């Protein structure tokens, strides 16, 4: 199923929509993990404001003027890529990766948690290769995988 959507730069007025989307996506994809970590929503907002926005360029996906996905990048590194669960499997994730490849045409890399099997499958389907396994830094402190995509 495809929808008409647009990728655009993040604006300050997107803050609430993006941080809510980010939280909902994590809670639905890994509910036990999110409960175990026990972070409050205001902590998510602080992390987004103080780390993600300060260290990355952020883009959002809109449908009918509603933010339904976002991606944060620093150079070749995809720091965050989240799609609201109600809008997954509609081509937005692939479109965001294609957009990321336009920003960094030779190489992209990212981390995801190993327990996030849907994310791992998505990245592998889109040409990313698992290259390293380790433990993510705080706040997760959980087994992760480092993925790379390289232009062939």
N, C-alpha and C. Protein backbone atom coordinates (compact mmCIF):
# COMPACT_ATOMS: atom_id res chain seq x y z
N UNK A 1 0.84 -1.17 0.00
CA UNK A 1 0.00 0.00 0.00
C UNK A 1 0.89 1.24 0.00
N UNK A 2 0.69 2.12 -0.93
CA UNK A 2 1.48 3.34 -0.94
C UNK A 2 0.57 4.54 -0.74
N UNK A 3 1.13 5.54 -0.14
CA UNK A 3 0.39 6.77 0.13
C UNK A 3 1.21 7.93 -0.40
N UNK A 4 0.55 9.05 -0.59
CA UNK A 4 1.27 10.26 -0.95
C UNK A 4 1.83 10.86 0.33
N UNK A 5 3.14 10.98 0.37
CA UNK A 5 3.77 11.58 1.53
C UNK A 5 4.94 12.43 1.06
N UNK A 6 5.35 13.34 1.91
CA UNK A 6 6.44 14.24 1.59
C UNK A 6 7.49 14.20 2.69
N UNK A 7 8.76 14.21 2.29
CA UNK A 7 9.87 14.32 3.23
C UNK A 7 10.30 15.78 3.24
N UNK A 8 10.41 16.34 4.43
CA UNK A 8 10.84 17.73 4.55
C UNK A 8 11.70 17.88 5.79
N UNK A 9 12.39 19.02 5.88
CA UNK A 9 13.22 19.30 7.04
C UNK A 9 12.35 19.47 8.29
N UNK A 10 12.90 19.02 9.40
CA UNK A 10 12.27 19.20 10.70
C UNK A 10 12.15 20.69 11.00
N UNK A 11 11.03 21.06 11.62
CA UNK A 11 10.83 22.43 12.13
C UNK A 11 10.51 22.34 13.62
N UNK A 12 10.81 23.39 14.35
CA UNK A 12 10.61 23.39 15.80
C UNK A 12 9.17 23.02 16.18
N UNK A 13 8.20 23.43 15.39
CA UNK A 13 6.80 23.10 15.71
C UNK A 13 6.49 21.61 15.55
N UNK A 14 7.44 20.82 15.03
CA UNK A 14 7.26 19.37 14.91
C UNK A 14 7.62 18.63 16.19
N UNK A 15 8.20 19.34 17.17
CA UNK A 15 8.77 18.69 18.35
C UNK A 15 7.79 17.72 19.02
N UNK A 16 6.60 18.18 19.37
CA UNK A 16 5.65 17.30 20.07
C UNK A 16 5.26 16.11 19.22
N UNK A 17 4.92 16.34 17.97
CA UNK A 17 4.51 15.25 17.09
C UNK A 17 5.61 14.21 16.93
N UNK A 18 6.85 14.66 16.75
CA UNK A 18 7.97 13.74 16.54
C UNK A 18 8.28 12.97 17.82
N UNK A 19 8.31 13.64 18.96
CA UNK A 19 8.65 12.92 20.19
C UNK A 19 7.55 11.94 20.60
N UNK A 20 6.30 12.28 20.34
CA UNK A 20 5.20 11.34 20.61
C UNK A 20 5.31 10.14 19.67
N UNK A 21 5.52 10.39 18.39
CA UNK A 21 5.68 9.32 17.40
C UNK A 21 6.83 8.40 17.81
N UNK A 22 7.95 8.99 18.18
CA UNK A 22 9.14 8.24 18.59
C UNK A 22 8.83 7.31 19.75
N UNK A 23 8.13 7.82 20.75
CA UNK A 23 7.77 7.03 21.92
C UNK A 23 6.80 5.91 21.56
N UNK A 24 5.75 6.24 20.81
CA UNK A 24 4.74 5.24 20.43
C UNK A 24 5.38 4.13 19.61
N UNK A 25 6.24 4.48 18.66
CA UNK A 25 6.89 3.47 17.83
C UNK A 25 7.74 2.53 18.67
N UNK A 26 8.47 3.05 19.62
CA UNK A 26 9.30 2.20 20.48
C UNK A 26 8.44 1.33 21.39
N UNK A 27 7.38 1.90 21.95
CA UNK A 27 6.52 1.13 22.85
C UNK A 27 5.82 -0.01 22.12
N UNK A 28 5.41 0.22 20.90
CA UNK A 28 4.70 -0.83 20.15
C UNK A 28 5.65 -1.88 19.59
N UNK A 29 6.85 -1.48 19.21
CA UNK A 29 7.76 -2.47 18.61
C UNK A 29 8.46 -3.32 19.67
N UNK A 30 8.77 -2.75 20.83
CA UNK A 30 9.48 -3.47 21.88
C UNK A 30 8.87 -3.14 23.24
N UNK A 31 7.63 -3.58 23.49
CA UNK A 31 6.95 -3.15 24.72
C UNK A 31 7.64 -3.57 26.01
N UNK A 32 8.13 -4.81 26.09
CA UNK A 32 8.78 -5.24 27.34
C UNK A 32 10.07 -4.46 27.57
N UNK A 33 10.83 -4.26 26.51
CA UNK A 33 12.08 -3.51 26.62
C UNK A 33 11.80 -2.09 27.11
N UNK A 34 10.79 -1.44 26.56
CA UNK A 34 10.46 -0.08 26.97
C UNK A 34 10.01 -0.03 28.43
N UNK A 35 9.21 -1.01 28.85
CA UNK A 35 8.78 -1.06 30.26
C UNK A 35 9.98 -1.28 31.18
N UNK A 36 10.89 -2.16 30.77
CA UNK A 36 12.06 -2.48 31.58
C UNK A 36 12.95 -1.24 31.77
N UNK A 37 13.11 -0.44 30.72
CA UNK A 37 13.97 0.74 30.81
C UNK A 37 13.33 1.84 31.64
N UNK A 38 12.01 1.93 31.64
CA UNK A 38 11.29 2.81 32.54
C UNK A 38 11.54 4.30 32.37
N UNK A 39 11.84 4.75 31.17
CA UNK A 39 12.05 6.19 30.96
C UNK A 39 10.72 6.91 30.84
N UNK A 40 10.66 8.08 31.43
CA UNK A 40 9.48 8.91 31.33
C UNK A 40 9.50 9.68 30.01
N UNK A 41 8.32 10.09 29.57
CA UNK A 41 8.22 10.82 28.32
C UNK A 41 9.03 12.11 28.35
N UNK A 42 9.04 12.81 29.49
CA UNK A 42 9.81 14.06 29.55
C UNK A 42 11.31 13.78 29.37
N UNK A 43 11.77 12.58 29.77
CA UNK A 43 13.17 12.21 29.54
C UNK A 43 13.42 12.02 28.05
N UNK A 44 12.46 11.39 27.35
CA UNK A 44 12.57 11.24 25.90
C UNK A 44 12.67 12.61 25.24
N UNK A 45 11.81 13.52 25.66
CA UNK A 45 11.81 14.85 25.07
C UNK A 45 13.14 15.57 25.31
N UNK A 46 13.67 15.44 26.51
CA UNK A 46 14.96 16.04 26.82
C UNK A 46 16.08 15.46 25.98
N UNK A 47 16.08 14.14 25.83
CA UNK A 47 17.11 13.49 25.01
C UNK A 47 17.00 13.94 23.56
N UNK A 48 15.77 14.01 23.06
CA UNK A 48 15.56 14.43 21.68
C UNK A 48 16.07 15.86 21.49
N UNK A 49 15.72 16.74 22.39
CA UNK A 49 16.10 18.15 22.30
C UNK A 49 17.62 18.34 22.48
N UNK A 50 18.18 17.69 23.51
CA UNK A 50 19.56 17.95 23.89
C UNK A 50 20.60 17.11 23.14
N UNK A 51 20.17 16.02 22.53
CA UNK A 51 21.14 15.15 21.84
C UNK A 51 20.81 14.99 20.35
N UNK A 52 19.63 14.52 20.06
CA UNK A 52 19.29 14.23 18.66
C UNK A 52 19.29 15.52 17.83
N UNK A 53 18.58 16.53 18.29
CA UNK A 53 18.51 17.77 17.52
C UNK A 53 19.87 18.49 17.45
N UNK A 54 20.66 18.40 18.50
CA UNK A 54 21.95 19.10 18.51
C UNK A 54 23.02 18.40 17.67
N UNK A 55 22.88 17.08 17.49
CA UNK A 55 23.93 16.32 16.82
C UNK A 55 23.57 15.84 15.42
N UNK A 56 22.37 16.11 14.98
CA UNK A 56 21.90 15.55 13.71
C UNK A 56 21.12 16.56 12.89
N UNK A 57 21.00 16.24 11.63
CA UNK A 57 20.05 16.90 10.74
C UNK A 57 18.82 16.00 10.77
N UNK A 58 17.63 16.58 10.93
CA UNK A 58 16.41 15.79 11.09
C UNK A 58 15.43 16.12 9.97
N UNK A 59 14.83 15.08 9.44
CA UNK A 59 13.78 15.21 8.44
C UNK A 59 12.54 14.49 8.94
N UNK A 60 11.39 14.94 8.50
CA UNK A 60 10.12 14.30 8.84
C UNK A 60 9.39 13.89 7.57
N UNK A 61 8.50 12.94 7.74
CA UNK A 61 7.58 12.53 6.66
C UNK A 61 6.19 12.99 7.07
N UNK A 62 5.53 13.65 6.14
CA UNK A 62 4.18 14.15 6.38
C UNK A 62 3.18 13.49 5.44
N UNK A 63 2.02 13.21 5.99
CA UNK A 63 0.85 12.83 5.21
C UNK A 63 -0.26 13.76 5.67
N UNK A 64 -0.87 14.45 4.73
CA UNK A 64 -1.96 15.38 5.06
C UNK A 64 -1.58 16.31 6.22
N UNK A 65 -0.36 16.84 6.16
CA UNK A 65 0.15 17.80 7.15
C UNK A 65 0.33 17.21 8.55
N UNK A 66 0.35 15.87 8.65
CA UNK A 66 0.62 15.19 9.92
C UNK A 66 1.96 14.47 9.82
N UNK A 67 2.79 14.64 10.84
CA UNK A 67 4.08 13.96 10.88
C UNK A 67 3.85 12.50 11.24
N UNK A 68 4.34 11.60 10.37
CA UNK A 68 4.14 10.17 10.59
C UNK A 68 5.45 9.38 10.66
N UNK A 69 6.58 10.06 10.41
CA UNK A 69 7.89 9.40 10.48
C UNK A 69 8.97 10.47 10.58
N UNK A 70 10.15 10.04 11.03
CA UNK A 70 11.29 10.96 11.03
C UNK A 70 12.59 10.18 10.93
N UNK A 71 13.61 10.90 10.49
CA UNK A 71 14.95 10.34 10.40
C UNK A 71 15.94 11.42 10.84
N UNK A 72 16.92 11.01 11.63
CA UNK A 72 17.98 11.91 12.09
C UNK A 72 19.31 11.36 11.60
N UNK A 73 20.12 12.23 10.98
CA UNK A 73 21.41 11.81 10.43
C UNK A 73 22.51 12.79 10.82
N UNK A 74 23.70 12.25 11.00
CA UNK A 74 24.91 13.04 11.17
C UNK A 74 25.92 12.49 10.16
N UNK A 75 26.06 13.18 9.03
CA UNK A 75 26.94 12.69 7.98
C UNK A 75 26.43 11.37 7.43
N UNK A 76 27.26 10.33 7.50
CA UNK A 76 26.90 9.00 7.01
C UNK A 76 26.07 8.19 8.02
N UNK A 77 25.97 8.69 9.22
CA UNK A 77 25.36 7.94 10.32
C UNK A 77 23.86 8.24 10.44
N UNK A 78 23.04 7.21 10.34
CA UNK A 78 21.61 7.33 10.59
C UNK A 78 21.41 7.06 12.08
N UNK A 79 21.17 8.12 12.82
CA UNK A 79 21.03 8.01 14.27
C UNK A 79 19.65 7.49 14.66
N UNK A 80 18.63 7.93 13.95
CA UNK A 80 17.25 7.54 14.28
C UNK A 80 16.47 7.40 12.98
N UNK A 81 15.61 6.40 12.91
CA UNK A 81 14.66 6.27 11.81
C UNK A 81 13.43 5.57 12.39
N UNK A 82 12.35 6.31 12.51
CA UNK A 82 11.14 5.77 13.11
C UNK A 82 9.92 6.15 12.29
N UNK A 83 9.02 5.18 12.17
CA UNK A 83 7.75 5.38 11.47
C UNK A 83 6.65 5.01 12.45
N UNK A 84 5.64 5.86 12.52
CA UNK A 84 4.51 5.56 13.40
C UNK A 84 3.95 4.19 13.02
N UNK A 85 3.66 3.33 14.00
CA UNK A 85 3.18 1.98 13.71
C UNK A 85 1.97 1.92 12.78
N UNK A 86 1.10 2.91 12.83
CA UNK A 86 -0.07 2.92 11.95
C UNK A 86 0.29 3.19 10.49
N UNK A 87 1.53 3.56 10.22
CA UNK A 87 1.95 3.91 8.86
C UNK A 87 3.12 3.06 8.37
N UNK A 88 3.45 2.00 9.08
CA UNK A 88 4.54 1.14 8.65
C UNK A 88 4.11 0.25 7.48
N UNK A 89 5.13 -0.23 6.76
CA UNK A 89 4.94 -1.13 5.62
C UNK A 89 4.16 -0.46 4.48
N UNK A 90 4.45 0.83 4.28
CA UNK A 90 3.81 1.59 3.21
C UNK A 90 4.83 2.30 2.33
N UNK A 91 6.10 1.95 2.50
CA UNK A 91 7.13 2.52 1.64
C UNK A 91 7.88 3.70 2.21
N UNK A 92 7.49 4.19 3.38
CA UNK A 92 8.16 5.37 3.94
C UNK A 92 9.58 5.06 4.40
N UNK A 93 9.78 3.92 5.01
CA UNK A 93 11.12 3.56 5.47
C UNK A 93 12.09 3.46 4.30
N UNK A 94 11.69 2.79 3.25
CA UNK A 94 12.54 2.69 2.06
C UNK A 94 12.78 4.08 1.47
N UNK A 95 11.75 4.91 1.42
CA UNK A 95 11.92 6.27 0.90
C UNK A 95 12.90 7.07 1.75
N UNK A 96 12.83 6.91 3.07
CA UNK A 96 13.79 7.60 3.94
C UNK A 96 15.20 7.09 3.71
N UNK A 97 15.37 5.78 3.51
CA UNK A 97 16.71 5.27 3.21
C UNK A 97 17.20 5.78 1.87
N UNK A 98 16.32 5.83 0.87
CA UNK A 98 16.71 6.40 -0.43
C UNK A 98 17.13 7.86 -0.27
N UNK A 99 16.39 8.60 0.54
CA UNK A 99 16.72 9.99 0.83
C UNK A 99 18.08 10.08 1.52
N UNK A 100 18.32 9.18 2.48
CA UNK A 100 19.62 9.15 3.18
C UNK A 100 20.75 8.86 2.19
N UNK A 101 20.50 7.99 1.21
CA UNK A 101 21.52 7.69 0.20
C UNK A 101 21.82 8.90 -0.68
N UNK A 102 20.85 9.77 -0.85
CA UNK A 102 21.11 11.02 -1.59
C UNK A 102 22.00 11.94 -0.76
N UNK A 103 21.85 11.92 0.57
CA UNK A 103 22.66 12.75 1.45
C UNK A 103 24.08 12.21 1.56
N UNK A 104 24.20 10.90 1.56
CA UNK A 104 25.50 10.23 1.69
C UNK A 104 25.52 9.08 0.67
N UNK A 105 25.90 9.36 -0.57
CA UNK A 105 25.72 8.39 -1.65
C UNK A 105 26.65 7.18 -1.65
N UNK A 106 27.71 7.19 -0.88
CA UNK A 106 28.65 6.07 -0.91
C UNK A 106 28.58 5.14 0.29
N UNK A 107 28.11 5.66 1.41
CA UNK A 107 28.14 4.83 2.63
C UNK A 107 27.15 5.37 3.65
N UNK A 108 26.43 4.47 4.28
CA UNK A 108 25.56 4.78 5.42
C UNK A 108 25.82 3.73 6.48
N UNK A 109 25.64 4.12 7.72
CA UNK A 109 25.73 3.13 8.79
C UNK A 109 24.81 3.54 9.93
N UNK A 110 24.48 2.54 10.77
CA UNK A 110 23.54 2.75 11.87
C UNK A 110 23.65 1.61 12.85
N UNK A 111 23.03 1.80 13.98
CA UNK A 111 22.88 0.75 14.98
C UNK A 111 21.40 0.46 15.16
N UNK A 112 21.11 -0.77 15.51
CA UNK A 112 19.78 -1.12 16.00
C UNK A 112 19.94 -2.21 17.05
N UNK A 113 18.96 -2.33 17.90
CA UNK A 113 19.01 -3.37 18.93
C UNK A 113 18.80 -4.73 18.29
N UNK A 114 19.52 -5.73 18.77
CA UNK A 114 19.38 -7.07 18.21
C UNK A 114 17.98 -7.64 18.44
N UNK A 115 17.32 -7.25 19.53
CA UNK A 115 15.98 -7.79 19.77
C UNK A 115 14.94 -7.18 18.83
N UNK A 116 15.30 -6.12 18.12
CA UNK A 116 14.38 -5.49 17.19
C UNK A 116 14.49 -6.21 15.84
N UNK A 117 13.93 -7.42 15.79
CA UNK A 117 14.08 -8.27 14.61
C UNK A 117 13.42 -7.65 13.37
N UNK A 118 12.37 -6.88 13.55
CA UNK A 118 11.74 -6.23 12.40
C UNK A 118 12.67 -5.19 11.79
N UNK A 119 13.33 -4.41 12.64
CA UNK A 119 14.28 -3.42 12.12
C UNK A 119 15.45 -4.11 11.44
N UNK A 120 15.98 -5.16 12.04
CA UNK A 120 17.09 -5.89 11.42
C UNK A 120 16.69 -6.41 10.04
N UNK A 121 15.52 -7.01 9.95
CA UNK A 121 15.04 -7.53 8.66
C UNK A 121 14.87 -6.41 7.65
N UNK A 122 14.33 -5.27 8.08
CA UNK A 122 14.12 -4.13 7.20
C UNK A 122 15.45 -3.63 6.64
N UNK A 123 16.45 -3.44 7.48
CA UNK A 123 17.73 -2.93 7.00
C UNK A 123 18.41 -3.94 6.08
N UNK A 124 18.37 -5.21 6.42
CA UNK A 124 18.98 -6.23 5.57
C UNK A 124 18.28 -6.29 4.21
N UNK A 125 16.96 -6.19 4.20
CA UNK A 125 16.20 -6.18 2.95
C UNK A 125 16.60 -4.99 2.08
N UNK A 126 17.03 -3.91 2.70
CA UNK A 126 17.40 -2.70 1.99
C UNK A 126 18.91 -2.54 1.80
N UNK A 127 19.63 -3.66 1.83
CA UNK A 127 21.04 -3.66 1.45
C UNK A 127 22.05 -3.40 2.53
N UNK A 128 21.63 -3.31 3.78
CA UNK A 128 22.57 -3.11 4.88
C UNK A 128 23.11 -4.46 5.33
N UNK A 129 24.37 -4.46 5.75
CA UNK A 129 25.05 -5.68 6.19
C UNK A 129 25.48 -5.50 7.64
N UNK A 130 25.19 -6.51 8.46
CA UNK A 130 25.62 -6.49 9.87
C UNK A 130 27.14 -6.69 9.89
N UNK A 131 27.84 -5.74 10.53
CA UNK A 131 29.30 -5.82 10.56
C UNK A 131 29.88 -5.96 11.96
N UNK A 132 29.18 -5.46 12.97
CA UNK A 132 29.69 -5.56 14.34
C UNK A 132 28.53 -5.81 15.29
N UNK A 133 28.83 -6.54 16.35
CA UNK A 133 27.86 -6.80 17.40
C UNK A 133 28.47 -6.32 18.71
N UNK A 134 27.65 -5.67 19.53
CA UNK A 134 28.16 -5.16 20.80
C UNK A 134 27.04 -4.82 21.74
N UNK A 135 27.30 -3.88 22.62
CA UNK A 135 26.32 -3.40 23.59
C UNK A 135 26.16 -1.89 23.37
N UNK A 136 24.92 -1.48 23.25
CA UNK A 136 24.64 -0.06 23.00
C UNK A 136 24.95 0.75 24.26
N UNK A 137 25.30 2.03 24.06
CA UNK A 137 25.54 2.89 25.22
C UNK A 137 24.22 3.23 25.92
N UNK A 138 24.33 3.86 27.07
CA UNK A 138 23.14 4.31 27.79
C UNK A 138 22.35 5.25 26.88
N UNK A 139 21.07 5.24 26.93
CA UNK A 139 20.26 4.65 27.98
C UNK A 139 19.89 3.19 27.76
N UNK A 140 20.13 2.62 26.56
CA UNK A 140 19.69 1.24 26.32
C UNK A 140 20.51 0.20 27.07
N UNK A 141 21.84 0.23 26.87
CA UNK A 141 22.73 -0.78 27.46
C UNK A 141 22.24 -2.19 27.13
N UNK A 142 22.04 -2.45 25.84
CA UNK A 142 21.49 -3.72 25.37
C UNK A 142 22.28 -4.19 24.15
N UNK A 143 22.24 -5.49 23.87
CA UNK A 143 22.94 -5.99 22.68
C UNK A 143 22.45 -5.29 21.41
N UNK A 144 23.42 -4.84 20.61
CA UNK A 144 23.05 -4.16 19.38
C UNK A 144 23.85 -4.71 18.20
N UNK A 145 23.50 -4.23 17.02
CA UNK A 145 24.20 -4.61 15.80
C UNK A 145 24.47 -3.33 15.01
N UNK A 146 25.67 -3.26 14.46
CA UNK A 146 26.06 -2.14 13.62
C UNK A 146 25.93 -2.56 12.16
N UNK A 147 25.10 -1.84 11.43
CA UNK A 147 24.84 -2.12 10.02
C UNK A 147 25.51 -1.08 9.14
N UNK A 148 25.98 -1.55 7.95
CA UNK A 148 26.57 -0.66 6.96
C UNK A 148 25.95 -0.93 5.60
N UNK A 149 25.79 0.14 4.84
CA UNK A 149 25.43 0.05 3.42
C UNK A 149 26.53 0.77 2.66
N UNK A 150 27.02 0.14 1.60
CA UNK A 150 28.04 0.76 0.76
C UNK A 150 27.62 0.65 -0.69
N UNK A 151 27.86 1.74 -1.43
CA UNK A 151 27.57 1.73 -2.86
C UNK A 151 28.44 0.67 -3.52
N UNK A 152 27.84 -0.09 -4.40
CA UNK A 152 28.60 -1.16 -5.08
C UNK A 152 29.12 -0.69 -6.39
